[in-house]
Amino acid sequence: MGQKKNPEQLAKLLSYILERRPDEFGLVPDADGYVKIKELLKALGEEEGWSYVRRASIDEVGFTIRNPRIEIADDSRIRAKNRERLPEQRLVENLPRLLYTCVREKAQVFAMDKGIFPQAYPRVILSSDQSMAERIGRRADRSPILFTVQTQKAADQGVVFYHAGEILYLADFIPPGCFTGPPLPKQKAESGKAEKPEERTEQKFPGSFFMQLDDEHKQRVILEKKKREILKEKDKRRMRREKQKIRGDS
C-alpha cells in the first residue's frame, strides 16, 4: 500500500485530476466540472500508493489546506475551482478506427441484441486504450465484458462521438452490429441457471411419495432387462440341445 501521504500531497493530486487530466484516471466530469466522489475514490484506489484514500482523507484536505483548490457539492460531488485547463467535450475530428468499452457481465446478452446504452454516466464512455476501458469496467463489475467498437460502422449509422480528454470518448448509444465481443454464454434455463439432475426436487405431499428414475437409472434397468433376455435365450438353447441329445441316445 505504501506510506500514507500528507494532505498537501493529496491536494496536489486532486488538483491535477480535477483541473487538467480526469481522463488519465478514467473520469468524466459533468457539464459543471463535477465528478462523483465515490467514482474518484475508486480511481484513486487503483493508483499505486493512493489506495488508502477515503472520503475522510478528502475532507481532511478541505479542513487543513488553506484556500483549497477543490469544492464539494451535495456532499457527493467534487470539482476544481479553477477549470480553465479542464478538457472540453467536443466533436471528434480524427476518429480512431477502434474504441473499447465494457458492460456488466449480466448485460452482455442484452447489449449484443439491443446495443450498448449508458450506465453510470449520461453517455457511453469509451477509450482508445483497452486497459483503460477494462479499468473503468471493473469499477462496476468484477468481470466486465469488453467490447471492441468499429467506429466507422457506428458513424455510418449516425453515432456521434465526442472527445472527453486524450484517451476517453463519449457516445449516446452504440447500435448492435457495430461492435464485437467474447462469445455469448450457452443458453440457460429460464431461471438463469442450468438445472442439474442431483439438484432436482419434487414437491412432496403427506401420505404419498414419488419414484424418480433419472437417465442413469433408466439405462441400468434397460441393461438388466437385456441381460435377463440373453440368459433366457441361452437357457432355451441349452434345453433344446439336451432334448436332441436324449432323442439321439434313444
Protein backbone atom coordinates (compact mmCIF):
# COMPACT_ATOMS: atom_id res chain seq x y z
CA MET A 1 0.00 0.00 0.00
CA GLY A 2 2.93 2.31 0.63
CA GLN A 3 3.36 5.16 3.08
CA LYS A 4 0.36 7.37 3.67
CA LYS A 5 0.71 10.78 2.03
CA ASN A 6 0.08 14.05 3.82
CA PRO A 7 -2.93 16.28 2.95
CA GLU A 8 -0.74 18.62 0.86
CA GLN A 9 0.32 15.77 -1.42
CA LEU A 10 -3.25 14.56 -1.81
CA ALA A 11 -4.39 18.12 -2.54
CA LYS A 12 -1.87 18.37 -5.39
CA LEU A 13 -3.04 15.09 -6.90
CA LEU A 14 -6.70 16.11 -6.65
CA SER A 15 -5.91 19.41 -8.34
CA TYR A 16 -4.12 17.62 -11.20
CA ILE A 17 -7.02 15.21 -11.70
CA LEU A 18 -9.87 17.71 -11.44
CA GLU A 19 -8.19 20.67 -13.15
CA ARG A 20 -6.32 19.00 -16.03
CA ARG A 21 -6.47 15.25 -16.66
CA PRO A 22 -9.54 13.44 -15.32
CA ASP A 23 -9.41 11.20 -18.39
CA GLU A 24 -5.98 9.90 -17.33
CA PHE A 25 -7.79 8.36 -14.36
CA GLY A 26 -10.85 7.20 -16.30
CA LEU A 27 -13.09 10.02 -15.04
CA VAL A 28 -15.53 12.18 -16.99
CA PRO A 29 -16.71 15.40 -15.30
CA ASP A 30 -20.28 16.56 -15.88
CA ALA A 31 -21.17 19.84 -17.61
CA ASP A 32 -20.31 21.76 -14.42
CA GLY A 33 -16.98 20.05 -13.91
CA TYR A 34 -18.09 17.75 -11.10
CA VAL A 35 -17.24 14.10 -10.69
CA LYS A 36 -18.85 11.78 -8.18
CA ILE A 37 -16.73 11.38 -5.07
CA LYS A 38 -17.32 7.64 -5.00
CA GLU A 39 -16.00 7.36 -8.58
CA LEU A 40 -12.99 9.50 -7.69
CA LEU A 41 -12.24 7.23 -4.72
CA LYS A 42 -12.42 4.16 -6.96
CA ALA A 43 -9.96 5.77 -9.38
CA LEU A 44 -7.56 6.71 -6.58
CA GLY A 45 -7.78 3.20 -5.16
CA GLU A 46 -6.35 1.90 -8.44
CA GLU A 47 -3.26 4.10 -8.19
CA GLU A 48 -0.15 2.75 -6.51
CA GLY A 49 0.42 4.44 -3.17
CA TRP A 50 -3.05 6.02 -3.02
CA SER A 51 -5.33 3.09 -2.17
CA TYR A 52 -5.58 4.32 1.42
CA VAL A 53 -7.60 7.39 0.38
CA ARG A 54 -11.14 7.51 1.77
CA ARG A 55 -13.80 10.18 1.98
CA ALA A 56 -12.31 11.34 5.30
CA SER A 57 -8.98 11.92 3.52
CA ILE A 58 -10.63 14.30 1.05
CA ASP A 59 -12.46 16.08 3.87
CA GLU A 60 -9.12 16.46 5.65
CA VAL A 61 -7.77 18.35 2.63
CA GLY A 62 -10.64 20.82 2.94
CA PHE A 63 -10.11 21.23 6.67
CA THR A 64 -6.32 21.57 6.76
CA ILE A 65 -5.36 23.25 3.48
CA ARG A 66 -5.78 27.00 3.35
CA ASN A 67 -7.88 28.03 0.34
CA PRO A 68 -8.16 24.51 -1.13
CA ARG A 69 -8.46 24.31 -4.91
CA ILE A 70 -11.37 21.91 -4.72
CA GLU A 71 -15.00 22.26 -3.71
CA ILE A 72 -17.71 19.76 -2.79
CA ALA A 73 -21.40 19.99 -3.63
CA ASP A 74 -24.36 17.93 -2.36
CA ASP A 75 -21.90 16.01 -0.17
CA SER A 76 -21.40 13.67 -3.14
CA ARG A 77 -19.70 15.60 -5.97
CA ILE A 78 -16.34 17.30 -6.22
CA ARG A 79 -14.70 19.64 -8.72
CA ALA A 80 -11.78 22.01 -9.13
CA LYS A 81 -12.39 25.71 -8.52
CA ASN A 82 -10.19 26.60 -11.48
CA ARG A 83 -11.34 24.66 -14.55
CA GLU A 84 -9.70 26.69 -17.33
CA ARG A 85 -7.47 23.80 -18.35
CA LEU A 86 -10.12 21.14 -17.97
CA PRO A 87 -10.59 19.29 -21.31
CA GLU A 88 -13.79 20.26 -23.09
CA GLN A 89 -16.16 17.72 -24.54
CA ARG A 90 -16.07 18.34 -28.27
CA LEU A 91 -16.82 16.52 -31.50
CA VAL A 92 -14.13 14.13 -32.68
CA GLU A 93 -12.38 15.12 -35.90
CA ASN A 94 -9.97 12.21 -36.39
CA LEU A 95 -11.88 9.21 -35.11
CA PRO A 96 -9.79 6.14 -34.11
CA ARG A 97 -10.68 3.02 -36.08
CA LEU A 98 -11.36 1.10 -32.87
CA LEU A 99 -12.58 2.10 -29.43
CA TYR A 100 -13.19 -0.05 -26.36
CA THR A 101 -15.89 -0.11 -23.74
CA CYS A 102 -17.22 -2.52 -21.12
CA VAL A 103 -20.61 -3.62 -19.86
CA ARG A 104 -21.58 -5.67 -16.84
CA GLU A 105 -21.28 -9.41 -17.34
CA LYS A 106 -25.02 -10.00 -16.94
CA ALA A 107 -25.76 -7.28 -19.53
CA GLN A 108 -23.79 -8.98 -22.32
CA VAL A 109 -26.73 -10.76 -23.95
CA PHE A 110 -28.88 -7.62 -23.85
CA ALA A 111 -26.09 -5.46 -25.30
CA MET A 112 -25.44 -7.86 -28.18
CA ASP A 113 -29.15 -7.82 -29.02
CA LYS A 114 -30.15 -4.21 -28.30
CA GLY A 115 -26.89 -2.25 -28.32
CA ILE A 116 -24.73 -0.53 -25.71
CA PHE A 117 -26.50 2.04 -23.55
CA PRO A 118 -25.07 4.48 -20.97
CA GLN A 119 -24.63 3.09 -17.47
CA ALA A 120 -23.39 5.31 -14.62
CA TYR A 121 -22.87 8.33 -16.90
CA PRO A 122 -25.32 10.04 -19.28
CA ARG A 123 -23.25 8.82 -22.25
CA VAL A 124 -21.38 5.65 -23.10
CA ILE A 125 -17.74 6.01 -22.06
CA LEU A 126 -15.19 4.55 -24.47
CA SER A 127 -11.41 4.59 -24.63
CA SER A 128 -8.74 4.24 -27.27
CA ASP A 129 -6.77 2.34 -24.60
CA GLN A 130 -8.11 -1.17 -23.99
CA SER A 131 -6.63 -1.37 -20.49
CA MET A 132 -8.34 1.88 -19.51
CA ALA A 133 -11.70 0.60 -20.77
CA GLU A 134 -11.23 -2.53 -18.66
CA ARG A 135 -10.19 -0.43 -15.67
CA ILE A 136 -13.37 1.63 -15.91
CA GLY A 137 -15.44 -1.52 -16.42
CA ARG A 138 -14.10 -3.17 -13.26
CA ARG A 139 -15.47 -0.31 -11.19
CA ALA A 140 -18.98 -1.55 -11.94
CA ASP A 141 -18.36 -5.31 -12.29
CA ARG A 142 -15.60 -7.66 -11.20
CA SER A 143 -15.75 -9.46 -14.55
CA PRO A 144 -16.82 -6.85 -17.11
CA ILE A 145 -17.38 -7.76 -20.75
CA LEU A 146 -15.06 -5.89 -23.11
CA PHE A 147 -16.47 -4.80 -26.47
CA THR A 148 -14.45 -3.54 -29.43
CA VAL A 149 -16.33 -0.82 -31.30
CA GLN A 150 -15.86 -0.33 -35.04
CA THR A 151 -16.23 3.44 -35.08
CA GLN A 152 -16.80 3.82 -38.83
CA LYS A 153 -19.72 1.36 -38.77
CA ALA A 154 -21.20 3.26 -35.84
CA ALA A 155 -20.67 6.63 -37.53
CA ASP A 156 -22.36 5.31 -40.68
CA GLN A 157 -25.42 4.62 -38.52
CA GLY A 158 -25.48 8.16 -37.21
CA VAL A 159 -23.49 7.77 -33.98
CA VAL A 160 -21.70 10.97 -32.95
CA PHE A 161 -18.52 10.67 -30.91
CA TYR A 162 -17.15 13.28 -28.53
CA HIS A 163 -13.71 13.77 -27.02
CA ALA A 164 -13.53 13.66 -23.23
CA GLY A 165 -9.77 14.15 -22.91
CA GLU A 166 -6.88 12.49 -24.69
CA ILE A 167 -7.92 8.85 -24.34
CA LEU A 168 -11.63 8.97 -23.48
CA TYR A 169 -14.57 9.30 -25.86
CA LEU A 170 -18.32 9.55 -25.42
CA ALA A 171 -21.33 8.46 -27.45
CA ASP A 172 -25.06 8.47 -26.75
CA PHE A 173 -25.51 4.88 -27.91
CA ILE A 174 -23.69 2.14 -29.83
CA PRO A 175 -26.03 0.12 -32.12
CA PRO A 176 -25.80 -3.68 -32.33
CA GLY A 177 -23.63 -4.87 -35.19
CA CYS A 178 -21.11 -2.08 -34.64
CA PHE A 179 -19.04 -3.91 -32.06
CA THR A 180 -17.63 -7.32 -31.27
CA GLY A 181 -17.03 -9.16 -28.02
CA PRO A 182 -16.47 -12.59 -26.49
CA PRO A 183 -18.84 -15.44 -27.42
CA LEU A 184 -22.21 -15.39 -25.74
CA PRO A 185 -22.68 -17.83 -22.85
CA LYS A 186 -24.62 -21.01 -23.58
CA GLN A 187 -28.36 -20.70 -23.40
CA LYS A 188 -29.55 -21.37 -19.88
CA ALA A 189 -32.87 -22.32 -18.42
CA GLU A 190 -35.46 -19.57 -17.98
CA SER A 191 -34.45 -19.35 -14.36
CA GLY A 192 -30.98 -18.35 -15.50
CA LYS A 193 -29.32 -21.46 -14.09
CA ALA A 194 -28.84 -24.83 -15.70
CA GLU A 195 -30.68 -27.46 -13.72
CA LYS A 196 -28.57 -30.37 -12.55
CA PRO A 197 -30.15 -33.81 -12.02
CA GLU A 198 -28.90 -34.03 -8.46
CA GLU A 199 -30.47 -30.64 -7.69
CA ARG A 200 -33.95 -31.58 -8.85
CA THR A 201 -36.58 -31.55 -6.15
CA GLU A 202 -40.12 -32.83 -6.20
CA GLN A 203 -42.96 -31.34 -4.26
CA LYS A 204 -43.98 -33.76 -1.54
CA PHE A 205 -47.47 -34.34 -0.19
CA PRO A 206 -48.48 -36.10 3.04
CA GLY A 207 -49.12 -39.83 2.60
CA SER A 208 -47.52 -40.03 -0.84
CA PHE A 209 -44.12 -40.43 -2.43
CA PHE A 210 -42.51 -40.06 -5.85
CA MET A 211 -40.23 -42.51 -7.57
CA GLN A 212 -37.60 -40.72 -9.66
CA LEU A 213 -35.81 -42.53 -12.43
CA ASP A 214 -33.02 -40.43 -13.85
CA ASP A 215 -31.30 -41.25 -17.10
CA GLU A 216 -28.59 -43.32 -15.45
CA HIS A 217 -31.09 -45.46 -13.56
CA LYS A 218 -33.24 -45.98 -16.66
CA GLN A 219 -30.19 -47.10 -18.59
CA ARG A 220 -29.32 -49.55 -15.82
CA VAL A 221 -32.86 -51.02 -15.90
CA ILE A 222 -32.69 -51.48 -19.68
CA LEU A 223 -29.32 -53.23 -19.44
CA GLU A 224 -30.61 -55.57 -16.73
CA LYS A 225 -33.60 -56.41 -18.87
CA LYS A 226 -31.41 -57.20 -21.86
CA LYS A 227 -29.18 -59.32 -19.68
CA ARG A 228 -32.15 -61.37 -18.49
CA GLU A 229 -33.34 -61.84 -22.07
CA ILE A 230 -29.88 -63.08 -23.13
CA LEU A 231 -29.72 -65.52 -20.23
CA LYS A 232 -33.23 -66.73 -21.00
CA GLU A 233 -32.30 -67.32 -24.64
CA LYS A 234 -29.20 -69.24 -23.57
CA ASP A 235 -31.31 -71.45 -21.34
CA LYS A 236 -33.67 -72.19 -24.24
CA ARG A 237 -30.78 -73.19 -26.49
CA ARG A 238 -29.32 -75.40 -23.75
CA MET A 239 -32.71 -77.11 -23.26
CA ARG A 240 -33.01 -77.79 -27.00
CA ARG A 241 -29.54 -79.31 -27.13
CA GLU A 242 -30.31 -81.59 -24.19
CA LYS A 243 -33.59 -82.75 -25.77
CA GLN A 244 -31.81 -83.51 -29.05
CA LYS A 245 -29.15 -85.47 -27.15
CA ILE A 246 -31.81 -87.52 -25.32
CA ARG A 247 -33.55 -88.35 -28.62
CA GLY A 248 -30.29 -89.38 -30.21
CA ASP A 249 -29.42 -91.68 -27.36
CA SER A 250 -32.80 -93.35 -27.54
